[in-house]
Amino acid sequence: MTQPEPGPSPLCLALLLGGAFAPTLACAVAADPAVVQAPSASAPALMHAKLWQAGADPSAYWVSEKMDGVRAFWDGHSLRFRSGLPIAAPDWFTAALPKMALDGELWLGRGRFDELSGIVRRQMPVDADWRTVKYMVFDLPGAPGAFSERAQRLAVVLAGAQHVWLHAVAQQSLANSAALQALLLRTTQAGGEGLMLHRANALWSPGRSDALLKLKLQPDDEARVLAHLPGKGRHAGRMGALLMEMPDGQRFALGTGFTDAQRADPPPVGSVVTYRYRDRTPRGLPKFASFLRVRGPE
């Protein structure tokens, strides 16, 4: 089975479619509620992935590489982060996009998230930097039809646009779990982040469901920073851990995975952090959680 590569031609998709440390709360510092707030009410309604369950049958899904990028929603007129905040892209970038809703990732390549993040979050875009950014599109939000139909239409639309930085994410079908795990291993060894699985017959619907799933060698999730917990020993005088709040309101301390520079200048209160973990407790708290990165406004 061929590894999914975000190749230069969106036609490949059409061809494929022819044949997803529990804290001591006494040390917690109350966060400013004016800072720790929910994302903007104008956040677009998007599909969000659940985790793939080991042993499940992938044959009913289209499988693609999970891009290590910044999610970007195009509503036909403006480009936005998933929070609803605008992305300051150059005029030539947005003028070339079709007058229809697109959902995808701004992407530089495997392992280049930090570089990409710096480019797309500038309030004044640097044209030369944006010339290196690709928009990898994987769905048509709100469009009718099953995912197979939407993906085929997407491939045709983006092929007609003929822009070297605008691509439909390549999809492929896999016969069984063994093939899925082999693809995951190849993708990860090559520097990829993991896989996404879209159920082929699923209609577009916002929120989380088994219509969109993600698979990584080690799962990750997101939580909001409530406070900086003081360090001890060699970390005295700087951040020892982050007090995190999960979407369901549960809290935990995230104390590993940070460089010395990140402890000296930790993610700000109110920011959203991505962390890796091995498993969850019966209460749903992450086990062996480790800092991965700050998500940013997207």
Foldseek 3Di string as FASTA:
>chain_A
DDFFDQDQAQVLQLVQLPVAAFDPCVLDDFFDDVQQDDQDPQQDFAADAAADDPFDWQQQWWKFFDALFFKWKDAQQFIAGNSNHGWQDDPVVSVLDHSAIWIFGWHQDFPCHVVRVVQRPDNHHDVVSCVRIATETEFGAPDWFFSSVGSNVVSVVQNVSPDSRYHYTHIHGDGGSVRQVVSQVVCVVVRTFFMKIARRGDTHDGDYDNRIHTDHPWDKDKWFFRDFRACDDVRHPWGQWTWTADPVGDTGTAGAADDNVCRRVPDDHNWMFMWTAHDADPVGHGHPIHTDGTSPSD
